[in-house]
Amino acid sequence: MSRKTEDYLSRCVVDTLGRKFYLYSSEGNEKIIECQNVGEFMNVLGFVREQLKDKDNVLAYSDPL
């Protein structure tokens, strides 16, 4: 019997200029969250920071230039 491993978030890169979040999973999957406005971006950013506050090296920010 094969044991299925659970896919989890391994990296989140925040693109502040593009108002996007790049999510990378432990299984190699990638998802992009594009926010429509600053308010939506700030809400998602707050959620991400809260969820990842105790995780080392998971949250990163893209170079603004």
Protein backbone atom coordinates (compact mmCIF):
# COMPACT_ATOMS: atom_id res chain seq x y z
CA MET A 1 0.00 0.00 0.00
CA SER A 2 1.39 3.37 -1.02
CA ARG A 3 1.28 6.21 1.46
CA LYS A 4 0.08 9.48 -0.03
CA THR A 5 2.01 12.51 1.17
CA GLU A 6 0.16 15.70 1.87
CA ASP A 7 0.91 18.67 -0.37
CA TYR A 8 1.77 21.78 1.66
CA LEU A 9 2.87 25.36 1.07
CA SER A 10 6.65 25.52 0.86
CA ARG A 11 7.14 29.12 -0.34
CA CYS A 12 5.08 32.29 -0.78
CA VAL A 13 6.58 35.16 -2.75
CA VAL A 14 4.84 38.53 -2.52
CA ASP A 15 5.06 40.87 -5.51
CA THR A 16 4.06 44.22 -4.00
CA LEU A 17 4.21 46.19 -7.27
CA GLY A 18 2.15 43.66 -9.22
CA ARG A 19 -0.20 42.94 -6.27
CA LYS A 20 0.40 39.21 -6.74
CA PHE A 21 1.19 36.25 -4.54
CA TYR A 22 3.13 33.30 -5.93
CA LEU A 23 2.44 30.12 -3.97
CA TYR A 24 4.70 27.08 -4.34
CA SER A 25 3.82 23.67 -2.94
CA SER A 26 5.99 20.86 -1.64
CA GLU A 27 4.92 18.79 -4.65
CA GLY A 28 6.09 21.41 -7.19
CA ASN A 29 2.73 23.00 -7.93
CA GLU A 30 2.49 26.76 -8.41
CA LYS A 31 -0.48 29.06 -7.98
CA ILE A 32 -0.68 32.81 -8.58
CA ILE A 33 -3.14 35.01 -6.72
CA GLU A 34 -3.73 38.33 -8.47
CA CYS A 35 -5.43 41.05 -6.43
CA GLN A 36 -7.68 43.55 -8.18
CA ASN A 37 -7.01 46.51 -5.87
CA VAL A 38 -4.89 47.67 -2.95
CA GLY A 39 -7.54 46.78 -0.36
CA GLU A 40 -7.77 43.21 -1.55
CA PHE A 41 -3.97 42.95 -1.67
CA MET A 42 -3.63 44.23 1.90
CA ASN A 43 -6.27 41.78 3.15
CA VAL A 44 -4.51 38.82 1.54
CA LEU A 45 -1.12 40.05 2.77
CA GLY A 46 -2.43 40.30 6.33
CA PHE A 47 -3.83 36.77 6.12
CA VAL A 48 -0.59 35.37 4.67
CA ARG A 49 1.56 37.07 7.31
CA GLU A 50 -0.64 35.76 10.11
CA GLN A 51 -0.69 32.19 8.77
CA LEU A 52 3.07 32.07 8.09
CA LYS A 53 4.38 34.05 11.08
CA ASP A 54 5.90 30.99 12.76
CA LYS A 55 7.26 29.41 9.57
CA ASP A 56 10.91 30.05 8.75
CA ASN A 57 11.91 30.98 5.19
CA VAL A 58 8.44 30.44 3.69
CA LEU A 59 7.46 34.08 3.14
CA ALA A 60 9.58 36.19 0.78
CA TYR A 61 9.18 39.45 -1.11
CA SER A 62 10.17 40.03 -4.73
CA ASP A 63 12.68 42.72 -5.58
CA PRO A 64 10.67 45.87 -6.36
CA LEU A 65 12.97 46.89 -9.22
